Amino acid sequence: MSRYGKIPIPLVKGVEITLSGLNVKVKGPKGELVLPVKEGVKVVVEDSQILVDIECGSGLTSAMHGLYRSLINNMVVGVSAGFEKRLNMIGVGYRAAIQGNLLDLQVGFSHPTKLEVPSSLNVTVDKSTTIIIQGIDKQLVGQFAAIVRSKRPPEPYKGKGIRYENEYVRKKAGKASK
């Protein structure tokens, strides 16, 4: 049995949870999220906390115990406070701009790289070198940040590229001369 799955999720003020069939719907001041739950996983709302339990101790459902607890906790945090990822662009001429629902990246290629921003995310650019991605779905925020970073990941010699804020990039020594 999952130790992490046993921990109750505190229900934040202003957040409502609705259980309908195999769906868990969490609604808060920032929006609404729905999670389909597998059979064998039971979600119960008691007092001001959410409990995730498994009906039988089979291998697959016990493996899902901690997972569903984390997913529901992320939904509660997302609709109440939201999630944010910051990306820094390091390099000469590297800059970003928002044009409608497109993120325009100039990262050293002969052409600009354009990425379509998902409708549920709020993407802003600060000082043309910092990209701020905000949203209520933790998975979607992280996925879009990873897609942006993959367009020019930091290289190990000078550290140029797109990196997460506070990400440490290990640098290699250059070629030794004779």
N, C-alpha and C. Protein backbone atom coordinates (compact mmCIF):
# COMPACT_ATOMS: atom_id res chain seq x y z
N MET A 1 0.84 -1.18 0.00
CA MET A 1 0.00 0.00 0.00
C MET A 1 0.89 1.24 0.00
N SER A 2 0.46 2.25 -0.72
CA SER A 2 1.24 3.46 -0.86
C SER A 2 1.19 4.30 0.42
N ARG A 3 2.35 4.69 0.90
CA ARG A 3 2.37 5.56 2.08
C ARG A 3 1.94 6.97 1.69
N TYR A 4 2.34 7.39 0.51
CA TYR A 4 2.00 8.73 0.06
C TYR A 4 0.50 8.83 -0.23
N GLY A 5 -0.08 7.75 -0.72
CA GLY A 5 -1.51 7.74 -1.04
C GLY A 5 -2.39 7.87 0.18
N LYS A 6 -1.88 7.51 1.36
CA LYS A 6 -2.68 7.57 2.59
C LYS A 6 -2.83 8.99 3.12
N ILE A 7 -1.95 9.90 2.74
CA ILE A 7 -1.96 11.26 3.28
C ILE A 7 -3.21 11.99 2.77
N PRO A 8 -4.04 12.55 3.67
CA PRO A 8 -5.23 13.27 3.21
C PRO A 8 -4.86 14.59 2.52
N ILE A 9 -5.67 14.99 1.55
CA ILE A 9 -5.46 16.23 0.82
C ILE A 9 -6.31 17.31 1.48
N PRO A 10 -5.71 18.40 1.99
CA PRO A 10 -6.53 19.46 2.59
C PRO A 10 -7.31 20.20 1.50
N LEU A 11 -8.58 20.44 1.77
CA LEU A 11 -9.45 21.14 0.82
C LEU A 11 -9.35 22.64 1.11
N VAL A 12 -8.81 23.39 0.18
CA VAL A 12 -8.58 24.82 0.34
C VAL A 12 -9.91 25.56 0.27
N LYS A 13 -10.02 26.67 1.01
CA LYS A 13 -11.24 27.46 1.00
C LYS A 13 -11.49 28.01 -0.40
N GLY A 14 -12.71 27.90 -0.87
CA GLY A 14 -13.07 28.37 -2.20
C GLY A 14 -12.96 27.30 -3.27
N VAL A 15 -12.56 26.09 -2.89
CA VAL A 15 -12.43 24.98 -3.85
C VAL A 15 -13.53 23.97 -3.57
N GLU A 16 -14.26 23.60 -4.63
CA GLU A 16 -15.32 22.60 -4.52
C GLU A 16 -14.90 21.35 -5.28
N ILE A 17 -15.22 20.18 -4.72
CA ILE A 17 -14.92 18.93 -5.40
C ILE A 17 -16.23 18.18 -5.60
N THR A 18 -16.42 17.66 -6.82
CA THR A 18 -17.63 16.92 -7.17
C THR A 18 -17.23 15.55 -7.67
N LEU A 19 -17.85 14.51 -7.12
CA LEU A 19 -17.59 13.14 -7.54
C LEU A 19 -18.81 12.66 -8.31
N SER A 20 -18.62 12.32 -9.59
CA SER A 20 -19.73 11.82 -10.40
C SER A 20 -19.25 10.61 -11.18
N GLY A 21 -19.71 9.44 -10.75
CA GLY A 21 -19.28 8.21 -11.41
C GLY A 21 -17.79 8.00 -11.22
N LEU A 22 -17.08 7.89 -12.33
CA LEU A 22 -15.63 7.70 -12.28
C LEU A 22 -14.87 8.98 -12.60
N ASN A 23 -15.52 10.14 -12.41
CA ASN A 23 -14.88 11.42 -12.67
C ASN A 23 -14.79 12.23 -11.38
N VAL A 24 -13.66 12.91 -11.21
CA VAL A 24 -13.47 13.84 -10.10
C VAL A 24 -13.35 15.22 -10.71
N LYS A 25 -14.26 16.13 -10.31
CA LYS A 25 -14.25 17.49 -10.84
C LYS A 25 -13.87 18.44 -9.71
N VAL A 26 -12.84 19.25 -9.93
CA VAL A 26 -12.38 20.21 -8.94
C VAL A 26 -12.58 21.60 -9.52
N LYS A 27 -13.31 22.45 -8.78
CA LYS A 27 -13.64 23.79 -9.26
C LYS A 27 -13.15 24.80 -8.23
N GLY A 28 -12.48 25.84 -8.70
CA GLY A 28 -11.95 26.86 -7.80
C GLY A 28 -11.97 28.22 -8.45
N PRO A 29 -11.36 29.21 -7.80
CA PRO A 29 -11.38 30.57 -8.33
C PRO A 29 -10.65 30.74 -9.67
N LYS A 30 -9.69 29.89 -9.96
CA LYS A 30 -8.93 30.03 -11.22
C LYS A 30 -9.48 29.20 -12.36
N GLY A 31 -10.38 28.25 -12.07
CA GLY A 31 -10.93 27.42 -13.15
C GLY A 31 -11.44 26.09 -12.65
N GLU A 32 -11.56 25.16 -13.60
CA GLU A 32 -12.14 23.86 -13.31
C GLU A 32 -11.34 22.78 -14.03
N LEU A 33 -11.08 21.66 -13.32
CA LEU A 33 -10.36 20.52 -13.90
C LEU A 33 -11.14 19.24 -13.64
N VAL A 34 -11.07 18.30 -14.58
CA VAL A 34 -11.76 17.02 -14.45
C VAL A 34 -10.73 15.91 -14.62
N LEU A 35 -10.82 14.89 -13.75
CA LEU A 35 -9.90 13.75 -13.81
C LEU A 35 -10.71 12.46 -13.84
N PRO A 36 -10.55 11.64 -14.88
CA PRO A 36 -11.19 10.31 -14.87
C PRO A 36 -10.38 9.37 -13.96
N VAL A 37 -11.09 8.64 -13.11
CA VAL A 37 -10.46 7.74 -12.14
C VAL A 37 -10.75 6.30 -12.54
N LYS A 38 -9.74 5.44 -12.44
CA LYS A 38 -9.92 4.02 -12.77
C LYS A 38 -10.78 3.33 -11.72
N GLU A 39 -11.41 2.24 -12.14
CA GLU A 39 -12.16 1.43 -11.18
C GLU A 39 -11.19 0.83 -10.18
N GLY A 40 -11.63 0.73 -8.94
CA GLY A 40 -10.77 0.21 -7.89
C GLY A 40 -10.16 1.30 -7.04
N VAL A 41 -10.20 2.55 -7.53
CA VAL A 41 -9.70 3.69 -6.76
C VAL A 41 -10.91 4.47 -6.26
N LYS A 42 -10.96 4.71 -4.97
CA LYS A 42 -12.12 5.35 -4.35
C LYS A 42 -11.69 6.71 -3.81
N VAL A 43 -12.44 7.77 -4.16
CA VAL A 43 -12.18 9.12 -3.68
C VAL A 43 -13.33 9.52 -2.75
N VAL A 44 -12.99 9.94 -1.54
CA VAL A 44 -14.00 10.29 -0.53
C VAL A 44 -13.70 11.69 0.00
N VAL A 45 -14.75 12.51 0.15
CA VAL A 45 -14.60 13.84 0.74
C VAL A 45 -15.17 13.79 2.16
N GLU A 46 -14.32 14.03 3.14
CA GLU A 46 -14.74 14.06 4.54
C GLU A 46 -14.28 15.37 5.17
N ASP A 47 -15.18 16.02 5.89
CA ASP A 47 -14.90 17.30 6.55
C ASP A 47 -14.29 18.26 5.54
N SER A 48 -13.07 18.68 5.74
CA SER A 48 -12.42 19.59 4.79
C SER A 48 -11.16 18.95 4.21
N GLN A 49 -11.26 17.65 3.92
CA GLN A 49 -10.13 16.96 3.31
C GLN A 49 -10.61 15.87 2.36
N ILE A 50 -9.74 15.50 1.44
CA ILE A 50 -10.04 14.49 0.44
C ILE A 50 -9.18 13.27 0.74
N LEU A 51 -9.81 12.11 0.75
CA LEU A 51 -9.09 10.86 0.99
C LEU A 51 -9.15 10.00 -0.26
N VAL A 52 -8.02 9.44 -0.65
CA VAL A 52 -7.94 8.52 -1.78
C VAL A 52 -7.66 7.14 -1.21
N ASP A 53 -8.48 6.16 -1.61
CA ASP A 53 -8.35 4.81 -1.08
C ASP A 53 -8.48 3.82 -2.23
N ILE A 54 -7.99 2.61 -2.03
CA ILE A 54 -8.15 1.56 -3.03
C ILE A 54 -9.09 0.51 -2.48
N GLU A 55 -9.90 -0.06 -3.37
CA GLU A 55 -10.90 -1.03 -2.92
C GLU A 55 -10.28 -2.40 -2.68
N CYS A 56 -9.39 -2.83 -3.55
CA CYS A 56 -8.75 -4.12 -3.35
C CYS A 56 -7.24 -3.93 -3.49
N GLY A 57 -6.49 -4.85 -2.95
CA GLY A 57 -5.04 -4.69 -2.93
C GLY A 57 -4.32 -5.30 -4.11
N SER A 58 -4.93 -5.28 -5.30
CA SER A 58 -4.25 -5.84 -6.47
C SER A 58 -3.08 -4.93 -6.86
N GLY A 59 -2.16 -5.47 -7.62
CA GLY A 59 -0.94 -4.75 -7.96
C GLY A 59 -1.18 -3.46 -8.71
N LEU A 60 -2.07 -3.47 -9.69
CA LEU A 60 -2.29 -2.28 -10.52
C LEU A 60 -2.97 -1.17 -9.73
N THR A 61 -4.00 -1.50 -8.96
CA THR A 61 -4.70 -0.45 -8.22
C THR A 61 -3.85 0.10 -7.08
N SER A 62 -3.04 -0.74 -6.44
CA SER A 62 -2.19 -0.21 -5.38
C SER A 62 -1.09 0.67 -5.96
N ALA A 63 -0.69 0.39 -7.19
CA ALA A 63 0.29 1.25 -7.86
C ALA A 63 -0.32 2.61 -8.20
N MET A 64 -1.62 2.65 -8.43
CA MET A 64 -2.31 3.89 -8.79
C MET A 64 -2.68 4.73 -7.57
N HIS A 65 -2.56 4.17 -6.36
CA HIS A 65 -2.99 4.85 -5.15
C HIS A 65 -2.28 6.19 -4.97
N GLY A 66 -0.96 6.17 -4.93
CA GLY A 66 -0.19 7.40 -4.76
C GLY A 66 -0.30 8.33 -5.95
N LEU A 67 -0.42 7.74 -7.15
CA LEU A 67 -0.54 8.55 -8.37
C LEU A 67 -1.80 9.41 -8.33
N TYR A 68 -2.94 8.80 -8.04
CA TYR A 68 -4.19 9.56 -8.03
C TYR A 68 -4.22 10.58 -6.90
N ARG A 69 -3.58 10.27 -5.78
CA ARG A 69 -3.51 11.24 -4.69
C ARG A 69 -2.73 12.47 -5.16
N SER A 70 -1.63 12.26 -5.86
CA SER A 70 -0.82 13.37 -6.37
C SER A 70 -1.56 14.16 -7.43
N LEU A 71 -2.26 13.46 -8.34
CA LEU A 71 -2.99 14.15 -9.40
C LEU A 71 -4.11 15.02 -8.83
N ILE A 72 -4.85 14.50 -7.84
CA ILE A 72 -5.93 15.28 -7.24
C ILE A 72 -5.37 16.45 -6.44
N ASN A 73 -4.26 16.24 -5.74
CA ASN A 73 -3.62 17.34 -5.01
C ASN A 73 -3.17 18.44 -5.97
N ASN A 74 -2.60 18.06 -7.12
CA ASN A 74 -2.18 19.04 -8.11
C ASN A 74 -3.37 19.81 -8.67
N MET A 75 -4.52 19.13 -8.80
CA MET A 75 -5.72 19.81 -9.27
C MET A 75 -6.19 20.85 -8.26
N VAL A 76 -6.17 20.50 -6.97
CA VAL A 76 -6.61 21.42 -5.91
C VAL A 76 -5.68 22.64 -5.86
N VAL A 77 -4.38 22.40 -5.92
CA VAL A 77 -3.42 23.51 -5.91
C VAL A 77 -3.57 24.36 -7.17
N GLY A 78 -3.79 23.72 -8.32
CA GLY A 78 -3.91 24.44 -9.58
C GLY A 78 -5.10 25.37 -9.64
N VAL A 79 -6.27 24.92 -9.20
CA VAL A 79 -7.46 25.78 -9.28
C VAL A 79 -7.48 26.83 -8.18
N SER A 80 -6.65 26.68 -7.14
CA SER A 80 -6.62 27.69 -6.08
C SER A 80 -5.46 28.67 -6.27
N ALA A 81 -4.26 28.18 -6.52
CA ALA A 81 -3.09 29.06 -6.63
C ALA A 81 -2.52 29.10 -8.05
N GLY A 82 -2.60 28.01 -8.78
CA GLY A 82 -2.03 27.94 -10.12
C GLY A 82 -0.57 27.51 -10.10
N PHE A 83 -0.05 27.24 -11.28
CA PHE A 83 1.35 26.82 -11.43
C PHE A 83 2.06 27.78 -12.37
N GLU A 84 3.37 27.90 -12.19
CA GLU A 84 4.16 28.81 -13.02
C GLU A 84 5.53 28.21 -13.28
N LYS A 85 6.00 28.35 -14.51
CA LYS A 85 7.37 27.98 -14.89
C LYS A 85 7.99 29.19 -15.57
N ARG A 86 9.25 29.44 -15.24
CA ARG A 86 9.98 30.54 -15.87
C ARG A 86 11.16 29.97 -16.65
N LEU A 87 11.34 30.47 -17.85
CA LEU A 87 12.45 30.05 -18.70
C LEU A 87 13.30 31.27 -19.02
N ASN A 88 14.61 31.13 -18.92
CA ASN A 88 15.54 32.21 -19.27
C ASN A 88 16.24 31.86 -20.57
N MET A 89 16.39 32.87 -21.43
CA MET A 89 17.09 32.69 -22.70
C MET A 89 18.46 33.35 -22.56
N ILE A 90 19.51 32.55 -22.73
CA ILE A 90 20.87 33.06 -22.57
C ILE A 90 21.60 32.88 -23.89
N GLY A 91 22.04 33.99 -24.47
CA GLY A 91 22.76 33.96 -25.74
C GLY A 91 22.59 35.28 -26.47
N VAL A 92 23.56 35.63 -27.28
CA VAL A 92 23.51 36.89 -28.02
C VAL A 92 22.42 36.80 -29.09
N GLY A 93 21.50 37.74 -29.07
CA GLY A 93 20.43 37.77 -30.06
C GLY A 93 19.27 36.85 -29.75
N TYR A 94 19.30 36.15 -28.63
CA TYR A 94 18.19 35.26 -28.26
C TYR A 94 17.09 36.12 -27.63
N ARG A 95 15.90 36.04 -28.18
CA ARG A 95 14.78 36.80 -27.62
C ARG A 95 13.46 36.13 -27.97
N ALA A 96 12.44 36.51 -27.24
CA ALA A 96 11.10 35.94 -27.44
C ALA A 96 10.09 37.07 -27.50
N ALA A 97 8.97 36.79 -28.16
CA ALA A 97 7.87 37.76 -28.25
C ALA A 97 6.56 36.99 -28.40
N ILE A 98 5.49 37.60 -27.94
CA ILE A 98 4.16 37.01 -28.08
C ILE A 98 3.44 37.74 -29.21
N GLN A 99 2.92 36.98 -30.17
CA GLN A 99 2.14 37.55 -31.27
C GLN A 99 0.82 36.80 -31.34
N GLY A 100 -0.21 37.37 -30.71
CA GLY A 100 -1.50 36.69 -30.66
C GLY A 100 -1.40 35.46 -29.78
N ASN A 101 -1.68 34.28 -30.36
CA ASN A 101 -1.55 33.04 -29.58
C ASN A 101 -0.30 32.27 -29.99
N LEU A 102 0.68 32.97 -30.59
CA LEU A 102 1.94 32.35 -30.98
C LEU A 102 3.09 32.90 -30.15
N LEU A 103 3.99 32.02 -29.76
CA LEU A 103 5.22 32.42 -29.09
C LEU A 103 6.32 32.40 -30.14
N ASP A 104 6.91 33.56 -30.40
CA ASP A 104 7.93 33.71 -31.44
C ASP A 104 9.31 33.70 -30.77
N LEU A 105 10.13 32.70 -31.11
CA LEU A 105 11.46 32.56 -30.51
C LEU A 105 12.53 32.83 -31.56
N GLN A 106 13.48 33.69 -31.22
CA GLN A 106 14.67 33.93 -32.04
C GLN A 106 15.82 33.32 -31.26
N VAL A 107 16.25 32.12 -31.67
CA VAL A 107 17.26 31.39 -30.88
C VAL A 107 18.44 30.94 -31.74
N GLY A 108 18.88 31.80 -32.64
CA GLY A 108 20.09 31.52 -33.38
C GLY A 108 19.91 30.78 -34.69
N PHE A 109 18.69 30.47 -35.07
CA PHE A 109 18.46 29.85 -36.37
C PHE A 109 18.28 30.95 -37.42
N SER A 110 18.30 30.57 -38.69
CA SER A 110 18.12 31.54 -39.76
C SER A 110 16.66 31.99 -39.87
N HIS A 111 15.78 31.30 -39.17
CA HIS A 111 14.35 31.62 -39.22
C HIS A 111 13.81 31.66 -37.78
N PRO A 112 12.75 32.44 -37.54
CA PRO A 112 12.15 32.42 -36.19
C PRO A 112 11.38 31.12 -35.96
N THR A 113 11.38 30.66 -34.73
CA THR A 113 10.62 29.47 -34.35
C THR A 113 9.32 29.93 -33.72
N LYS A 114 8.20 29.46 -34.25
CA LYS A 114 6.89 29.85 -33.72
C LYS A 114 6.22 28.65 -33.08
N LEU A 115 5.70 28.85 -31.87
CA LEU A 115 4.99 27.80 -31.14
C LEU A 115 3.59 28.30 -30.81
N GLU A 116 2.59 27.44 -31.04
CA GLU A 116 1.22 27.80 -30.69
C GLU A 116 1.02 27.55 -29.19
N VAL A 117 0.52 28.58 -28.50
CA VAL A 117 0.30 28.50 -27.06
C VAL A 117 -1.07 27.85 -26.81
N PRO A 118 -1.15 26.80 -25.99
CA PRO A 118 -2.45 26.20 -25.66
C PRO A 118 -3.38 27.25 -25.03
N SER A 119 -4.68 27.12 -25.31
CA SER A 119 -5.64 28.14 -24.88
C SER A 119 -5.77 28.24 -23.37
N SER A 120 -5.49 27.17 -22.64
CA SER A 120 -5.65 27.21 -21.18
C SER A 120 -4.42 27.76 -20.46
N LEU A 121 -3.37 28.11 -21.20
CA LEU A 121 -2.16 28.66 -20.59
C LEU A 121 -2.06 30.15 -20.82
N ASN A 122 -1.41 30.84 -19.89
CA ASN A 122 -1.12 32.25 -20.02
C ASN A 122 0.40 32.39 -20.14
N VAL A 123 0.87 32.82 -21.30
CA VAL A 123 2.31 32.95 -21.54
C VAL A 123 2.63 34.43 -21.71
N THR A 124 3.59 34.92 -20.94
CA THR A 124 4.04 36.31 -21.06
C THR A 124 5.56 36.32 -21.22
N VAL A 125 6.06 37.40 -21.80
CA VAL A 125 7.50 37.57 -22.00
C VAL A 125 7.93 38.81 -21.24
N ASP A 126 8.95 38.66 -20.39
CA ASP A 126 9.46 39.76 -19.58
C ASP A 126 10.86 40.11 -20.07
N LYS A 127 11.09 41.34 -20.46
CA LYS A 127 12.40 41.83 -20.92
C LYS A 127 12.93 41.05 -22.13
N SER A 128 12.08 40.45 -22.90
CA SER A 128 12.37 39.70 -24.14
C SER A 128 13.30 38.50 -23.97
N THR A 129 13.76 38.22 -22.73
CA THR A 129 14.61 37.05 -22.52
C THR A 129 14.07 36.11 -21.44
N THR A 130 12.98 36.45 -20.80
CA THR A 130 12.37 35.61 -19.78
C THR A 130 10.95 35.26 -20.21
N ILE A 131 10.66 33.96 -20.30
CA ILE A 131 9.33 33.49 -20.68
C ILE A 131 8.66 32.96 -19.43
N ILE A 132 7.45 33.46 -19.14
CA ILE A 132 6.69 33.04 -17.96
C ILE A 132 5.46 32.28 -18.44
N ILE A 133 5.34 31.02 -18.01
CA ILE A 133 4.22 30.16 -18.40
C ILE A 133 3.38 29.90 -17.16
N GLN A 134 2.08 30.26 -17.20
CA GLN A 134 1.19 30.09 -16.06
C GLN A 134 -0.05 29.34 -16.48
N GLY A 135 -0.59 28.53 -15.55
CA GLY A 135 -1.81 27.79 -15.84
C GLY A 135 -2.27 27.01 -14.62
N ILE A 136 -3.43 26.34 -14.76
CA ILE A 136 -3.97 25.58 -13.63
C ILE A 136 -3.63 24.10 -13.72
N ASP A 137 -3.23 23.63 -14.89
CA ASP A 137 -2.90 22.22 -15.09
C ASP A 137 -1.38 22.05 -15.03
N LYS A 138 -0.89 21.42 -13.97
CA LYS A 138 0.56 21.28 -13.77
C LYS A 138 1.22 20.53 -14.91
N GLN A 139 0.57 19.49 -15.40
CA GLN A 139 1.14 18.69 -16.49
C GLN A 139 1.27 19.52 -17.76
N LEU A 140 0.25 20.31 -18.08
CA LEU A 140 0.26 21.12 -19.30
C LEU A 140 1.30 22.23 -19.22
N VAL A 141 1.43 22.85 -18.05
CA VAL A 141 2.44 23.91 -17.86
C VAL A 141 3.84 23.33 -18.05
N GLY A 142 4.11 22.21 -17.41
CA GLY A 142 5.42 21.58 -17.52
C GLY A 142 5.72 21.07 -18.92
N GLN A 143 4.69 20.53 -19.59
CA GLN A 143 4.87 20.01 -20.95
C GLN A 143 5.21 21.13 -21.93
N PHE A 144 4.47 22.25 -21.84
CA PHE A 144 4.74 23.36 -22.75
C PHE A 144 6.11 23.98 -22.47
N ALA A 145 6.49 24.07 -21.19
CA ALA A 145 7.82 24.58 -20.84
C ALA A 145 8.91 23.68 -21.41
N ALA A 146 8.69 22.36 -21.37
CA ALA A 146 9.68 21.42 -21.91
C ALA A 146 9.76 21.54 -23.43
N ILE A 147 8.63 21.79 -24.10
CA ILE A 147 8.64 21.97 -25.56
C ILE A 147 9.42 23.23 -25.93
N VAL A 148 9.20 24.32 -25.19
CA VAL A 148 9.93 25.57 -25.46
C VAL A 148 11.42 25.35 -25.23
N ARG A 149 11.78 24.70 -24.13
CA ARG A 149 13.19 24.45 -23.81
C ARG A 149 13.85 23.57 -24.86
N SER A 150 13.10 22.63 -25.42
CA SER A 150 13.68 21.69 -26.40
C SER A 150 14.05 22.37 -27.72
N LYS A 151 13.53 23.58 -27.96
CA LYS A 151 13.88 24.28 -29.20
C LYS A 151 15.34 24.73 -29.22
N ARG A 152 15.93 24.96 -28.06
CA ARG A 152 17.36 25.28 -27.96
C ARG A 152 17.82 24.99 -26.53
N PRO A 153 18.05 23.70 -26.20
CA PRO A 153 18.49 23.38 -24.83
C PRO A 153 19.87 23.97 -24.56
N PRO A 154 20.21 24.21 -23.30
CA PRO A 154 21.51 24.80 -22.99
C PRO A 154 22.66 23.88 -23.39
N GLU A 155 23.67 24.46 -24.03
CA GLU A 155 24.80 23.64 -24.45
C GLU A 155 25.88 23.67 -23.36
N PRO A 156 26.68 22.62 -23.25
CA PRO A 156 27.57 22.47 -22.09
C PRO A 156 28.86 23.28 -22.12
N TYR A 157 29.17 23.98 -23.21
CA TYR A 157 30.44 24.70 -23.28
C TYR A 157 30.32 26.15 -22.83
N LYS A 158 29.34 26.87 -23.35
CA LYS A 158 29.14 28.26 -22.94
C LYS A 158 27.86 28.45 -22.14
N GLY A 159 26.96 27.48 -22.19
CA GLY A 159 25.70 27.58 -21.46
C GLY A 159 24.61 28.31 -22.21
N LYS A 160 24.84 28.59 -23.51
CA LYS A 160 23.83 29.29 -24.31
C LYS A 160 22.63 28.39 -24.53
N GLY A 161 21.45 28.99 -24.56
CA GLY A 161 20.24 28.24 -24.84
C GLY A 161 19.09 28.68 -23.95
N ILE A 162 18.02 27.89 -23.95
CA ILE A 162 16.86 28.17 -23.12
C ILE A 162 16.92 27.21 -21.94
N ARG A 163 16.83 27.76 -20.74
CA ARG A 163 16.89 26.93 -19.54
C ARG A 163 15.82 27.38 -18.55
N TYR A 164 15.46 26.44 -17.65
CA TYR A 164 14.53 26.78 -16.58
C TYR A 164 15.22 27.74 -15.62
N GLU A 165 14.44 28.57 -14.96
CA GLU A 165 15.01 29.45 -13.95
C GLU A 165 15.58 28.60 -12.82
N ASN A 166 16.73 28.94 -12.35
CA ASN A 166 17.46 28.21 -11.29
C ASN A 166 17.95 26.84 -11.74
N GLU A 167 17.96 26.55 -13.04
CA GLU A 167 18.52 25.28 -13.52
C GLU A 167 20.03 25.41 -13.58
N TYR A 168 20.73 24.41 -13.08
CA TYR A 168 22.18 24.40 -13.11
C TYR A 168 22.62 23.63 -14.34
N VAL A 169 23.44 24.25 -15.18
CA VAL A 169 23.96 23.61 -16.38
C VAL A 169 25.43 23.30 -16.14
N ARG A 170 25.76 22.02 -16.17
CA ARG A 170 27.16 21.61 -15.99
C ARG A 170 27.94 22.00 -17.23
N LYS A 171 29.06 22.66 -17.02
CA LYS A 171 29.87 23.11 -18.15
C LYS A 171 31.08 22.21 -18.30
N LYS A 172 31.45 21.98 -19.57
CA LYS A 172 32.63 21.18 -19.88
C LYS A 172 33.80 22.10 -20.18
N ALA A 173 34.99 21.59 -19.99
CA ALA A 173 36.18 22.34 -20.36
C ALA A 173 36.32 22.31 -21.88
N GLY A 174 36.85 23.36 -22.44
CA GLY A 174 37.05 23.40 -23.88
C GLY A 174 38.17 22.48 -24.32
N LYS A 175 38.42 22.46 -25.62
CA LYS A 175 39.47 21.60 -26.15
C LYS A 175 40.83 22.10 -25.67
N ALA A 176 41.63 21.22 -25.12
CA ALA A 176 42.94 21.59 -24.60
C ALA A 176 43.89 21.85 -25.77
N SER A 177 44.61 22.98 -25.71
CA SER A 177 45.57 23.27 -26.77
C SER A 177 46.91 22.62 -26.45
N LYS A 178 47.73 22.46 -27.49
CA LYS A 178 49.01 21.77 -27.33
C LYS A 178 50.06 22.66 -26.73
